[in-house]
Structures are given as C-alpha cells and as structure tokens.
N, C-alpha and C. Protein backbone atom coordinates (compact mmCIF):
# COMPACT_ATOMS: atom_id res chain seq x y z
N UNK A 1 0.85 -1.17 0.00
CA UNK A 1 0.00 0.00 0.00
C UNK A 1 0.90 1.24 0.00
N UNK A 2 0.64 2.13 -0.90
CA UNK A 2 1.42 3.35 -0.96
C UNK A 2 0.46 4.53 -0.98
N UNK A 3 0.28 5.15 0.17
CA UNK A 3 -0.66 6.26 0.24
C UNK A 3 0.10 7.57 0.29
N UNK A 4 -0.56 8.59 -0.14
CA UNK A 4 0.01 9.93 -0.09
C UNK A 4 -0.80 10.71 0.95
N UNK A 5 -0.24 10.96 2.10
CA UNK A 5 -0.98 11.73 3.10
C UNK A 5 -0.81 13.21 2.81
N UNK A 6 -1.84 13.94 3.16
CA UNK A 6 -1.79 15.39 2.97
C UNK A 6 -0.93 16.04 4.04
N UNK A 7 -0.90 15.44 5.22
CA UNK A 7 -0.10 15.93 6.34
C UNK A 7 0.90 14.83 6.68
N UNK A 8 2.15 15.18 6.83
CA UNK A 8 3.13 14.18 7.24
C UNK A 8 3.30 14.25 8.76
N UNK A 9 3.80 13.16 9.34
CA UNK A 9 4.07 13.18 10.78
C UNK A 9 5.12 14.25 11.11
N UNK A 10 6.03 14.52 10.18
CA UNK A 10 7.04 15.57 10.38
C UNK A 10 6.37 16.95 10.46
N UNK A 11 5.39 17.20 9.58
CA UNK A 11 4.67 18.47 9.61
C UNK A 11 3.89 18.61 10.91
N UNK A 12 3.33 17.50 11.40
CA UNK A 12 2.60 17.51 12.66
C UNK A 12 3.53 17.88 13.82
N UNK A 13 4.70 17.26 13.85
CA UNK A 13 5.69 17.57 14.88
C UNK A 13 6.14 19.02 14.78
N UNK A 14 6.42 19.49 13.58
CA UNK A 14 6.84 20.88 13.39
C UNK A 14 5.78 21.85 13.90
N UNK A 15 4.51 21.57 13.58
CA UNK A 15 3.41 22.46 13.99
C UNK A 15 3.27 22.50 15.51
N UNK A 16 3.30 21.32 16.14
CA UNK A 16 3.14 21.31 17.60
C UNK A 16 4.38 21.80 18.33
N UNK A 17 5.54 21.67 17.73
CA UNK A 17 6.74 22.29 18.31
C UNK A 17 6.59 23.81 18.27
N UNK A 18 6.09 24.32 17.17
CA UNK A 18 5.84 25.78 17.05
C UNK A 18 4.83 26.23 18.09
N UNK A 19 3.74 25.50 18.25
CA UNK A 19 2.73 25.86 19.25
C UNK A 19 3.35 25.84 20.64
N UNK A 20 4.15 24.82 20.92
CA UNK A 20 4.81 24.73 22.23
C UNK A 20 5.70 25.94 22.48
N UNK A 21 6.51 26.28 21.50
CA UNK A 21 7.45 27.40 21.66
C UNK A 21 6.75 28.75 21.73
N UNK A 22 5.67 28.93 20.99
CA UNK A 22 5.03 30.24 20.90
C UNK A 22 3.89 30.46 21.89
N UNK A 23 3.22 29.40 22.31
CA UNK A 23 2.01 29.59 23.12
C UNK A 23 2.01 28.89 24.47
N UNK A 24 2.85 27.89 24.66
CA UNK A 24 2.71 27.05 25.84
C UNK A 24 3.76 27.27 26.92
N UNK A 25 4.74 28.10 26.65
CA UNK A 25 5.79 28.33 27.63
C UNK A 25 5.22 28.87 28.94
N UNK A 26 5.59 28.25 30.04
CA UNK A 26 5.19 28.71 31.36
C UNK A 26 3.79 28.28 31.78
N UNK A 27 3.09 27.54 30.94
CA UNK A 27 1.75 27.08 31.32
C UNK A 27 1.88 26.00 32.40
N UNK A 28 1.01 26.02 33.40
CA UNK A 28 1.15 25.08 34.52
C UNK A 28 0.90 23.62 34.16
N UNK A 29 0.24 23.34 33.06
CA UNK A 29 -0.07 21.96 32.66
C UNK A 29 0.94 21.39 31.67
N UNK A 30 2.03 22.12 31.42
CA UNK A 30 3.07 21.66 30.50
C UNK A 30 4.16 20.94 31.30
N UNK A 31 4.47 19.73 30.86
CA UNK A 31 5.51 18.93 31.49
C UNK A 31 6.83 19.26 30.78
N UNK A 32 7.72 19.96 31.46
CA UNK A 32 8.99 20.39 30.86
C UNK A 32 9.94 19.24 30.57
N UNK A 33 9.62 18.03 31.05
CA UNK A 33 10.45 16.86 30.78
C UNK A 33 10.11 16.22 29.43
N UNK A 34 9.03 16.67 28.80
CA UNK A 34 8.59 16.09 27.54
C UNK A 34 8.81 17.06 26.38
N UNK A 35 8.94 16.49 25.19
CA UNK A 35 9.04 17.29 23.97
C UNK A 35 8.09 16.71 22.93
N UNK A 36 7.88 17.43 21.85
CA UNK A 36 6.98 16.98 20.79
C UNK A 36 7.68 15.91 19.97
N UNK A 37 6.98 14.78 19.77
CA UNK A 37 7.55 13.68 19.00
C UNK A 37 6.44 12.81 18.43
N UNK A 38 6.62 12.35 17.21
CA UNK A 38 5.70 11.41 16.57
C UNK A 38 6.25 10.00 16.75
N UNK A 39 5.41 9.10 17.22
CA UNK A 39 5.84 7.74 17.51
C UNK A 39 4.98 6.74 16.73
N UNK A 40 5.65 5.82 16.05
CA UNK A 40 4.99 4.66 15.48
C UNK A 40 4.06 4.88 14.32
N UNK A 41 4.16 5.99 13.62
CA UNK A 41 3.24 6.23 12.51
C UNK A 41 3.41 5.15 11.45
N UNK A 42 2.27 4.59 11.03
CA UNK A 42 2.28 3.53 10.04
C UNK A 42 1.03 3.59 9.19
N UNK A 43 1.12 3.02 8.01
CA UNK A 43 -0.01 2.98 7.11
C UNK A 43 -1.03 1.97 7.62
N UNK A 44 -2.29 2.37 7.55
CA UNK A 44 -3.40 1.50 7.88
C UNK A 44 -4.60 1.94 7.06
N UNK A 45 -5.10 1.05 6.23
CA UNK A 45 -6.18 1.36 5.31
C UNK A 45 -5.78 2.57 4.46
N UNK A 46 -6.56 3.64 4.51
CA UNK A 46 -6.28 4.81 3.66
C UNK A 46 -5.72 5.98 4.45
N UNK A 47 -5.00 5.70 5.52
CA UNK A 47 -4.45 6.78 6.32
C UNK A 47 -3.20 6.33 7.04
N UNK A 48 -2.55 7.26 7.72
CA UNK A 48 -1.43 6.95 8.60
C UNK A 48 -1.89 7.17 10.02
N UNK A 49 -1.50 6.26 10.90
CA UNK A 49 -1.92 6.30 12.29
C UNK A 49 -0.68 6.24 13.17
N UNK A 50 -0.66 7.05 14.21
CA UNK A 50 0.46 7.03 15.15
C UNK A 50 0.11 7.83 16.39
N UNK A 51 1.10 7.98 17.25
CA UNK A 51 0.93 8.69 18.51
C UNK A 51 1.73 9.99 18.46
N UNK A 52 1.09 11.07 18.87
CA UNK A 52 1.77 12.36 19.00
C UNK A 52 1.96 12.64 20.48
N UNK A 53 3.23 12.74 20.87
CA UNK A 53 3.58 13.13 22.25
C UNK A 53 3.83 14.63 22.23
N UNK A 54 3.27 15.31 23.21
CA UNK A 54 3.56 16.74 23.39
C UNK A 54 3.77 16.96 24.89
N UNK A 55 4.29 18.10 25.27
CA UNK A 55 4.46 18.38 26.71
C UNK A 55 3.15 18.65 27.45
N UNK A 56 2.01 18.64 26.75
CA UNK A 56 0.73 18.87 27.43
C UNK A 56 -0.33 17.82 27.12
N UNK A 57 -0.08 16.88 26.21
CA UNK A 57 -1.00 15.78 25.94
C UNK A 57 -0.27 14.68 25.19
N UNK A 58 -0.91 13.50 25.13
CA UNK A 58 -0.49 12.42 24.23
C UNK A 58 -1.76 11.94 23.54
N UNK A 59 -1.74 12.00 22.20
CA UNK A 59 -2.92 11.64 21.41
C UNK A 59 -2.59 10.62 20.35
N UNK A 60 -3.58 9.82 20.03
CA UNK A 60 -3.54 8.96 18.85
C UNK A 60 -4.00 9.85 17.70
N UNK A 61 -3.30 9.81 16.57
CA UNK A 61 -3.59 10.72 15.47
C UNK A 61 -3.71 9.94 14.16
N UNK A 62 -4.71 10.32 13.38
CA UNK A 62 -4.86 9.80 12.02
C UNK A 62 -4.57 10.94 11.06
N UNK A 63 -3.60 10.71 10.19
CA UNK A 63 -3.28 11.67 9.13
C UNK A 63 -3.97 11.18 7.87
N UNK A 64 -4.86 11.98 7.33
CA UNK A 64 -5.70 11.51 6.22
C UNK A 64 -4.99 11.52 4.88
N UNK A 65 -5.54 10.73 3.98
CA UNK A 65 -5.14 10.86 2.58
C UNK A 65 -6.18 11.76 1.91
N UNK A 66 -6.11 11.89 0.65
CA UNK A 66 -7.00 12.79 -0.08
C UNK A 66 -8.46 12.33 -0.05
N UNK A 67 -8.73 11.09 0.37
CA UNK A 67 -10.10 10.58 0.37
C UNK A 67 -10.91 10.97 1.60
N UNK A 68 -10.26 11.47 2.66
CA UNK A 68 -11.02 11.86 3.85
C UNK A 68 -11.84 13.08 3.52
N UNK A 69 -13.08 13.06 3.92
CA UNK A 69 -14.00 14.15 3.62
C UNK A 69 -13.53 15.43 4.31
N UNK A 70 -13.02 16.37 3.53
CA UNK A 70 -12.49 17.61 4.13
C UNK A 70 -13.60 18.55 4.58
N UNK A 71 -14.84 18.11 4.43
CA UNK A 71 -15.96 18.93 4.92
C UNK A 71 -16.33 18.57 6.35
N UNK A 72 -15.60 17.62 6.95
CA UNK A 72 -15.87 17.28 8.34
C UNK A 72 -15.69 18.52 9.20
N UNK A 73 -16.60 18.71 10.10
CA UNK A 73 -16.54 19.89 10.96
C UNK A 73 -15.62 19.64 12.15
N UNK A 74 -14.97 20.70 12.59
CA UNK A 74 -14.14 20.68 13.79
C UNK A 74 -14.96 20.08 14.93
N UNK A 75 -14.40 19.10 15.62
CA UNK A 75 -15.06 18.52 16.78
C UNK A 75 -15.98 17.34 16.49
N UNK A 76 -16.25 17.06 15.23
CA UNK A 76 -17.12 15.93 14.91
C UNK A 76 -16.43 14.63 15.31
N UNK A 77 -17.19 13.73 15.93
CA UNK A 77 -16.65 12.45 16.38
C UNK A 77 -16.85 11.39 15.32
N UNK A 78 -15.81 10.57 15.14
CA UNK A 78 -15.80 9.53 14.13
C UNK A 78 -15.25 8.26 14.76
N UNK A 79 -15.97 7.15 14.61
CA UNK A 79 -15.48 5.87 15.11
C UNK A 79 -14.67 5.18 14.02
N UNK A 80 -13.49 4.71 14.40
CA UNK A 80 -12.60 4.03 13.46
C UNK A 80 -12.34 2.63 14.00
N UNK A 81 -12.57 1.63 13.15
CA UNK A 81 -12.32 0.25 13.55
C UNK A 81 -10.86 -0.09 13.27
N UNK A 82 -10.15 -0.43 14.32
CA UNK A 82 -8.76 -0.88 14.25
C UNK A 82 -8.75 -2.38 14.53
N UNK A 83 -7.66 -3.07 14.27
CA UNK A 83 -7.63 -4.52 14.53
C UNK A 83 -8.02 -4.90 15.95
N UNK A 84 -7.71 -4.04 16.93
CA UNK A 84 -8.03 -4.34 18.32
C UNK A 84 -9.44 -3.94 18.71
N UNK A 85 -10.12 -3.18 17.88
CA UNK A 85 -11.47 -2.71 18.20
C UNK A 85 -11.70 -1.31 17.69
N UNK A 86 -12.82 -0.76 18.07
CA UNK A 86 -13.22 0.57 17.61
C UNK A 86 -12.70 1.65 18.55
N UNK A 87 -12.20 2.76 17.97
CA UNK A 87 -11.71 3.89 18.74
C UNK A 87 -12.41 5.15 18.22
N UNK A 88 -12.85 6.00 19.14
CA UNK A 88 -13.51 7.25 18.76
C UNK A 88 -12.47 8.36 18.58
N UNK A 89 -12.50 8.98 17.40
CA UNK A 89 -11.62 10.10 17.08
C UNK A 89 -12.45 11.36 16.92
N UNK A 90 -11.78 12.50 17.02
CA UNK A 90 -12.43 13.79 16.79
C UNK A 90 -11.73 14.49 15.63
N UNK A 91 -12.53 15.11 14.77
CA UNK A 91 -11.98 15.87 13.65
C UNK A 91 -11.35 17.15 14.18
N UNK A 92 -10.13 17.41 13.72
CA UNK A 92 -9.41 18.63 14.10
C UNK A 92 -9.09 19.38 12.80
N UNK A 93 -9.46 20.62 12.75
CA UNK A 93 -9.17 21.46 11.58
C UNK A 93 -8.16 22.52 12.02
N UNK A 94 -6.91 22.31 11.69
CA UNK A 94 -5.84 23.24 12.08
C UNK A 94 -5.63 24.25 10.96
N UNK A 95 -5.42 25.50 11.34
CA UNK A 95 -5.26 26.57 10.34
C UNK A 95 -4.07 26.35 9.41
N UNK A 96 -3.04 25.65 9.86
CA UNK A 96 -1.88 25.40 9.02
C UNK A 96 -1.83 23.98 8.45
N UNK A 97 -2.23 22.99 9.26
CA UNK A 97 -2.14 21.60 8.82
C UNK A 97 -3.34 21.15 8.01
N UNK A 98 -4.47 21.73 8.28
CA UNK A 98 -5.70 21.25 7.66
C UNK A 98 -6.36 20.23 8.56
N UNK A 99 -7.08 19.28 7.94
CA UNK A 99 -7.88 18.31 8.68
C UNK A 99 -7.09 17.06 9.06
N UNK A 100 -7.25 16.65 10.30
CA UNK A 100 -6.76 15.35 10.76
C UNK A 100 -7.66 14.88 11.90
N UNK A 101 -7.48 13.66 12.34
CA UNK A 101 -8.30 13.08 13.40
C UNK A 101 -7.44 12.80 14.62
N UNK A 102 -8.02 12.99 15.81
CA UNK A 102 -7.26 12.84 17.03
C UNK A 102 -8.11 12.17 18.11
N UNK A 103 -7.48 11.29 18.89
CA UNK A 103 -8.13 10.64 20.03
C UNK A 103 -7.21 10.82 21.23
N UNK A 104 -7.73 11.41 22.29
CA UNK A 104 -6.92 11.65 23.49
C UNK A 104 -6.56 10.34 24.16
N UNK A 105 -5.27 10.14 24.38
CA UNK A 105 -4.79 9.02 25.17
C UNK A 105 -4.54 9.50 26.60
N UNK A 106 -3.84 10.62 26.72
CA UNK A 106 -3.58 11.26 28.01
C UNK A 106 -3.81 12.75 27.84
N UNK A 107 -4.82 13.28 28.51
CA UNK A 107 -5.08 14.72 28.43
C UNK A 107 -4.19 15.49 29.39
N UNK A 108 -3.60 14.80 30.35
CA UNK A 108 -2.59 15.38 31.22
C UNK A 108 -1.36 14.47 31.19
N UNK A 109 -0.20 15.08 31.07
CA UNK A 109 1.04 14.30 31.05
C UNK A 109 1.96 14.69 32.21
N UNK A 110 1.39 15.32 33.21
CA UNK A 110 2.20 15.80 34.32
C UNK A 110 2.85 14.67 35.13
N UNK A 111 2.29 13.47 35.07
CA UNK A 111 2.85 12.35 35.82
C UNK A 111 3.94 11.58 35.07
N UNK A 112 4.20 11.97 33.82
CA UNK A 112 5.25 11.30 33.06
C UNK A 112 6.61 11.83 33.51
N UNK A 113 7.50 10.94 33.96
CA UNK A 113 8.79 11.41 34.48
C UNK A 113 9.76 11.88 33.40
N UNK A 114 9.63 11.33 32.16
CA UNK A 114 10.60 11.69 31.12
C UNK A 114 10.07 11.27 29.74
N UNK A 115 10.78 11.69 28.71
CA UNK A 115 10.42 11.41 27.33
C UNK A 115 10.47 9.90 27.03
N UNK A 116 11.44 9.22 27.58
CA UNK A 116 11.57 7.78 27.32
C UNK A 116 10.34 7.01 27.81
N UNK A 117 9.81 7.39 28.95
CA UNK A 117 8.60 6.74 29.46
C UNK A 117 7.43 7.00 28.52
N UNK A 118 7.27 8.24 28.08
CA UNK A 118 6.20 8.59 27.15
C UNK A 118 6.34 7.80 25.84
N UNK A 119 7.56 7.70 25.33
CA UNK A 119 7.81 6.96 24.09
C UNK A 119 7.50 5.47 24.26
N UNK A 120 7.88 4.91 25.39
CA UNK A 120 7.63 3.50 25.66
C UNK A 120 6.13 3.21 25.68
N UNK A 121 5.38 4.06 26.33
CA UNK A 121 3.93 3.88 26.39
C UNK A 121 3.31 4.06 25.00
N UNK A 122 3.79 5.05 24.24
CA UNK A 122 3.28 5.27 22.88
C UNK A 122 3.53 4.04 22.01
N UNK A 123 4.71 3.46 22.10
CA UNK A 123 5.01 2.24 21.33
C UNK A 123 4.10 1.09 21.73
N UNK A 124 3.85 0.96 23.03
CA UNK A 124 2.96 -0.11 23.52
C UNK A 124 1.53 0.11 23.03
N UNK A 125 1.08 1.34 23.02
CA UNK A 125 -0.26 1.66 22.50
C UNK A 125 -0.37 1.21 21.05
N UNK A 126 0.63 1.55 20.23
CA UNK A 126 0.59 1.17 18.82
C UNK A 126 0.60 -0.35 18.66
N UNK A 127 1.38 -1.02 19.46
CA UNK A 127 1.41 -2.48 19.40
C UNK A 127 0.05 -3.06 19.77
N UNK A 128 -0.54 -2.54 20.85
CA UNK A 128 -1.84 -3.03 21.32
C UNK A 128 -2.96 -2.75 20.32
N UNK A 129 -2.90 -1.62 19.65
CA UNK A 129 -3.95 -1.26 18.69
C UNK A 129 -3.98 -2.20 17.50
N UNK A 130 -2.85 -2.76 17.14
CA UNK A 130 -2.79 -3.63 15.97
C UNK A 130 -2.83 -5.11 16.32
N UNK A 131 -3.11 -5.40 17.59
CA UNK A 131 -3.34 -6.76 18.01
C UNK A 131 -4.79 -7.09 17.69
N UNK A 132 -5.02 -8.20 17.04
CA UNK A 132 -6.38 -8.58 16.65
C UNK A 132 -7.23 -8.86 17.89
N UNK A 133 -8.44 -8.31 17.90
CA UNK A 133 -9.40 -8.58 18.96
C UNK A 133 -10.07 -9.92 18.69
N UNK A 134 -10.35 -10.67 19.73
CA UNK A 134 -11.01 -11.95 19.57
C UNK A 134 -12.53 -11.82 19.59
N UNK A 135 -13.00 -10.60 19.74
CA UNK A 135 -14.44 -10.38 19.74
C UNK A 135 -14.74 -9.04 19.10
N UNK A 136 -15.98 -8.67 19.06
CA UNK A 136 -16.37 -7.43 18.39
C UNK A 136 -16.64 -6.31 19.38
N UNK A 137 -16.04 -6.39 20.55
CA UNK A 137 -16.27 -5.37 21.55
C UNK A 137 -15.43 -4.13 21.27
N UNK A 138 -15.87 -3.02 21.77
CA UNK A 138 -15.19 -1.74 21.60
C UNK A 138 -14.04 -1.63 22.59
N UNK A 139 -12.95 -1.01 22.17
CA UNK A 139 -11.81 -0.79 23.04
C UNK A 139 -11.95 0.58 23.67
N UNK A 140 -11.92 0.64 25.00
CA UNK A 140 -11.90 1.94 25.64
C UNK A 140 -10.45 2.40 25.68
N UNK A 141 -10.21 3.70 25.54
CA UNK A 141 -8.84 4.19 25.58
C UNK A 141 -8.18 3.85 26.92
N UNK A 142 -8.95 3.88 28.00
CA UNK A 142 -8.39 3.56 29.31
C UNK A 142 -7.91 2.11 29.36
N UNK A 143 -8.62 1.21 28.68
CA UNK A 143 -8.22 -0.19 28.74
C UNK A 143 -6.91 -0.45 28.01
N UNK A 144 -6.48 0.47 27.18
CA UNK A 144 -5.19 0.31 26.52
C UNK A 144 -4.04 0.36 27.52
N UNK A 145 -4.28 0.98 28.67
CA UNK A 145 -3.20 1.22 29.63
C UNK A 145 -3.41 0.53 30.96
N UNK A 146 -4.56 -0.10 31.14
CA UNK A 146 -4.85 -0.75 32.42
C UNK A 146 -5.39 -2.14 32.14
N UNK A 147 -5.72 -2.84 33.18
CA UNK A 147 -6.30 -4.17 33.02
C UNK A 147 -7.82 -4.11 32.92
N UNK A 148 -8.37 -2.91 32.78
CA UNK A 148 -9.81 -2.74 32.67
C UNK A 148 -10.37 -3.56 31.50
N UNK A 149 -11.52 -4.13 31.70
CA UNK A 149 -12.17 -4.92 30.66
C UNK A 149 -12.60 -4.02 29.52
N UNK A 150 -12.71 -4.59 28.34
CA UNK A 150 -13.23 -3.84 27.19
C UNK A 150 -14.72 -3.63 27.40
N UNK A 151 -15.25 -2.54 26.91
CA UNK A 151 -16.65 -2.22 27.08
C UNK A 151 -17.38 -2.32 25.75
N UNK A 152 -18.68 -2.60 25.82
CA UNK A 152 -19.48 -2.67 24.61
C UNK A 152 -19.67 -1.28 24.04
N UNK A 153 -19.85 -1.24 22.73
CA UNK A 153 -20.05 0.04 22.02
C UNK A 153 -21.37 0.65 22.39
C-alpha cells in the first residue's frame, strides 16, 4: 500500500513544536520533561496512524489521505475500527495543517517522568492497537493502559 498523506508526521511535529514554543511556555499543565515527537506512525487502510507526544497531551492521530471528507466539521466524532477494536476520534481542523483526526490518550502528562517513558507507552499503544481482537467489543482508551475490561459500544 502506498498512500500519499496530505499531512506528514514531520509536519505535525513541526506544527506542535511551534505551538509549544510560541504559546505554551510557562503554562502550569506543561511537562517540561517532555518534547513533541511522533511515535509509530504507520499505514493502515487509507491513512497513517500514530501517537503524537507533546508536553501537554499524548494523542492517537490519524493523518488523512485525499479521500477523507475535508468537509468534516471541527469537533465531529468519528469511530474508526482498528484490529483491536473501535476507537472514537475527533476531527481537528488546524489553520496550518488542515484536517486530521485525534483521540486523546492522556489529556494530562504531568505524571510522566521523562520522554523515554512517554515513548515507551506510545510504542505499547501502537502495538496493542494492531493486536487482533477476539471479539467485536469496543476498546476503551483507558483499557489500553490498564487491566480494565473492554466495554461494549
């Protein structure tokens, strides 16, 4: 499969590095031990999927190809079936990047001691997402990181 994404993971990192440098300095919810980094981006169906680490969140991100409906409104929720189950994403319309999809993994990263820990968890998330589910149950984002049971959709 050879897809052409409209947004590259490098462009995503560049954009969030710019936001960090220009808007987030000194904010109390920013973890100074973390930096912006894209982890594990890989092709899946008609998009690229990976984890974006930032000093203020960690999100699962879908970078669309030209087939994603660019008329999706900011904030619209979209369910995406991954090998491990269904995950709910939200449409994000960035003034510079354009449209992409995002699912919050960690809305606060203040408890992360360092970048290596964040990267390790991001890699584990990607591994877990591509593990085949033995049933048709929905994957809760929390269950990706705990022993919590999967919940029905």
